[in-house]
Amino acid sequence: MALIRWQPFQEMETIRRQMDRMFDELTGVNREYMTTWAPAIELEDTEDNLILRAEIPGVEGKDLDVQVARESVSIAGETRHESKTEERGYFRSEFRYGKFQRTIPLPTPIKNDQVQAEFKNGILILTLPKAEEAKKRVVKINLEDGKSSLPSSENVQVV
């Protein structure tokens, strides 16, 4: 008699897949053809701006919907499938097609009416100017009278 090691996580994964298939059959959804993806991003924080770069290959600028709010950026679009027919041989495609959407929360509020955008070679670059209250401010405290108390409006100078 051979011993078989019990693998509970593998069995739970099998049950999850079976439940997914059951719900897909009830709702008529075919998961094999549903491919969702979101563009990869970089968010750089400079002194005056946030610079957002999004990698969106294979999409034209006219097919993008970019919405900028004071505290977030939403990017949506669609990559379309080109229909190809092969007379002989085997055809395989690992490209992603379909709609995508990504909302990126911003670490600081921005002036959303002054955003600059550039889309070149599949890279979207948004320059998002920070709101005045979000910029780092340097406060100089005047201690001429030798008192060490909390700064009031008369002895504080914003630089």
Protein backbone atom coordinates (compact mmCIF):
# COMPACT_ATOMS: atom_id res chain seq x y z
CA MET A 1 0.00 0.00 0.00
CA ALA A 2 1.38 3.43 -1.00
CA LEU A 3 1.15 6.50 1.22
CA ILE A 4 -0.29 9.60 -0.40
CA ARG A 5 0.52 12.97 1.15
CA TRP A 6 -2.55 15.08 1.87
CA GLN A 7 -2.35 18.56 0.29
CA PRO A 8 -5.22 20.63 1.70
CA PHE A 9 -4.39 23.81 -0.25
CA GLN A 10 -4.42 21.96 -3.56
CA GLU A 11 -7.80 20.49 -2.70
CA MET A 12 -9.16 23.92 -1.73
CA GLU A 13 -7.95 25.33 -5.08
CA THR A 14 -9.72 22.47 -6.89
CA ILE A 15 -12.95 23.23 -5.02
CA ARG A 16 -12.61 26.95 -5.83
CA ARG A 17 -12.21 26.19 -9.56
CA GLN A 18 -15.22 23.89 -9.48
CA MET A 19 -17.32 26.59 -7.76
CA ASP A 20 -16.18 29.17 -10.35
CA ARG A 21 -17.18 26.84 -13.18
CA MET A 22 -20.57 26.23 -11.55
CA PHE A 23 -21.30 29.96 -11.18
CA ASP A 24 -20.05 30.63 -14.71
CA GLU A 25 -22.47 28.06 -16.09
CA LEU A 26 -25.34 29.64 -14.14
CA THR A 27 -24.54 33.18 -15.33
CA GLY A 28 -23.38 32.28 -18.84
CA VAL A 29 -19.91 33.79 -18.36
CA ASN A 30 -16.89 32.24 -20.04
CA ARG A 31 -13.78 33.15 -18.01
CA GLU A 32 -11.33 31.90 -20.64
CA TYR A 33 -12.17 34.84 -22.89
CA MET A 34 -12.25 37.43 -20.12
CA THR A 35 -8.83 38.98 -19.85
CA THR A 36 -8.57 42.09 -17.77
CA TRP A 37 -5.45 44.09 -17.32
CA ALA A 38 -4.40 47.49 -16.11
CA PRO A 39 -1.52 49.60 -17.37
CA ALA A 40 1.67 49.68 -15.33
CA ILE A 41 2.43 53.09 -13.82
CA GLU A 42 5.22 55.12 -12.26
CA LEU A 43 4.43 58.05 -9.99
CA GLU A 44 7.23 60.54 -9.33
CA ASP A 45 6.94 63.23 -6.66
CA THR A 46 8.93 66.38 -7.43
CA GLU A 47 8.88 69.67 -5.54
CA ASP A 48 6.17 71.31 -7.66
CA ASN A 49 4.58 68.42 -9.61
CA LEU A 50 3.56 64.81 -9.58
CA ILE A 51 4.64 63.05 -12.76
CA LEU A 52 2.59 60.01 -13.72
CA ARG A 53 3.84 57.65 -16.42
CA ALA A 54 1.56 54.89 -17.67
CA GLU A 55 2.66 52.12 -20.03
CA ILE A 56 -0.14 51.58 -22.56
CA PRO A 57 1.26 49.75 -25.61
CA GLY A 58 -0.86 49.14 -28.68
CA VAL A 59 -3.41 51.86 -27.91
CA GLU A 60 -3.80 55.07 -29.85
CA GLY A 61 -4.28 58.37 -28.06
CA LYS A 62 -7.78 58.81 -29.48
CA ASP A 63 -8.84 55.53 -27.82
CA LEU A 64 -7.81 56.69 -24.32
CA ASP A 65 -10.10 58.31 -21.77
CA VAL A 66 -8.07 60.14 -19.12
CA GLN A 67 -9.92 61.88 -16.31
CA VAL A 68 -8.05 63.88 -13.68
CA ALA A 69 -9.68 64.76 -10.36
CA ARG A 70 -8.08 66.68 -7.51
CA GLU A 71 -6.99 63.50 -5.72
CA SER A 72 -6.96 60.76 -8.39
CA VAL A 73 -6.35 59.97 -12.06
CA SER A 74 -8.48 57.52 -14.03
CA ILE A 75 -7.22 55.96 -17.27
CA ALA A 76 -9.51 53.86 -19.45
CA GLY A 77 -9.31 52.52 -22.98
CA GLU A 78 -9.53 49.49 -25.18
CA THR A 79 -7.13 47.39 -27.20
CA ARG A 80 -8.79 45.96 -30.25
CA HIS A 81 -8.18 42.51 -31.66
CA GLU A 82 -7.01 42.34 -35.25
CA SER A 83 -8.62 39.44 -37.05
CA LYS A 84 -6.04 37.26 -38.75
CA THR A 85 -6.53 34.01 -40.57
CA GLU A 86 -3.85 31.44 -41.12
CA GLU A 87 -4.20 29.05 -44.03
CA ARG A 88 -1.87 26.48 -42.54
CA GLY A 89 0.10 25.96 -39.40
CA TYR A 90 -0.69 26.89 -35.86
CA PHE A 91 -1.66 30.38 -34.70
CA ARG A 92 -0.99 31.55 -31.13
CA SER A 93 -1.49 34.97 -29.57
CA GLU A 94 -0.54 36.06 -26.07
CA PHE A 95 -1.51 39.70 -26.59
CA ARG A 96 -4.13 41.21 -24.29
CA TYR A 97 -7.29 42.57 -25.89
CA GLY A 98 -10.30 44.24 -24.41
CA LYS A 99 -11.21 47.15 -22.20
CA PHE A 100 -9.13 48.33 -19.30
CA GLN A 101 -9.48 50.90 -16.56
CA ARG A 102 -7.24 51.99 -13.73
CA THR A 103 -7.74 54.63 -11.08
CA ILE A 104 -4.61 55.89 -9.36
CA PRO A 105 -5.02 57.69 -6.02
CA LEU A 106 -2.66 60.63 -5.67
CA PRO A 107 -0.68 61.29 -2.47
CA THR A 108 -1.33 65.05 -2.56
CA PRO A 109 -4.06 67.26 -4.06
CA ILE A 110 -3.32 68.71 -7.49
CA LYS A 111 -4.51 71.53 -9.74
CA ASN A 112 -6.51 69.37 -12.11
CA ASP A 113 -7.25 72.27 -14.47
CA GLN A 114 -3.52 72.74 -15.25
CA VAL A 115 -2.51 69.17 -16.16
CA GLN A 116 -0.18 68.66 -19.12
CA ALA A 117 -0.28 65.39 -21.08
CA GLU A 118 2.01 63.70 -23.60
CA PHE A 119 1.43 60.34 -25.29
CA LYS A 120 4.33 58.94 -27.29
CA ASN A 121 5.48 55.39 -28.11
CA GLY A 122 2.85 53.80 -25.85
CA ILE A 123 3.83 55.86 -22.80
CA LEU A 124 1.38 58.37 -21.32
CA ILE A 125 3.08 61.11 -19.29
CA LEU A 126 0.93 63.39 -17.14
CA THR A 127 2.47 66.37 -15.37
CA LEU A 128 0.21 67.16 -12.44
CA PRO A 129 0.96 70.49 -10.68
CA LYS A 130 0.54 70.29 -6.92
CA ALA A 131 -1.99 72.50 -5.18
CA GLU A 132 -0.40 75.33 -3.18
CA GLU A 133 -1.36 73.83 0.17
CA ALA A 134 0.28 70.53 -0.83
CA LYS A 135 3.69 72.01 -1.61
CA LYS A 136 6.31 71.69 1.08
CA ARG A 137 6.52 74.96 2.92
CA VAL A 138 9.44 76.15 4.99
CA VAL A 139 8.49 78.11 8.06
CA LYS A 140 11.03 80.43 9.68
CA ILE A 141 10.44 81.12 13.34
CA ASN A 142 11.55 84.46 14.70
CA LEU A 143 13.12 84.16 18.15
CA GLU A 144 14.47 87.68 18.54
CA ASP A 145 12.83 88.24 21.91
CA GLY A 146 14.31 85.03 23.38
CA LYS A 147 10.99 83.39 24.17
CA SER A 148 10.57 79.73 23.28
CA SER A 149 6.84 79.37 22.71
CA LEU A 150 4.73 78.10 19.86
CA PRO A 151 4.87 80.38 16.84
CA SER A 152 2.09 82.89 16.43
CA SER A 153 1.21 84.73 13.27
CA GLU A 154 3.36 87.74 14.18
CA ASN A 155 6.65 85.87 14.61
CA VAL A 156 6.37 83.33 11.77
CA GLN A 157 7.57 84.02 8.28
CA VAL A 158 6.72 81.65 5.42
CA VAL A 159 9.64 81.36 3.05
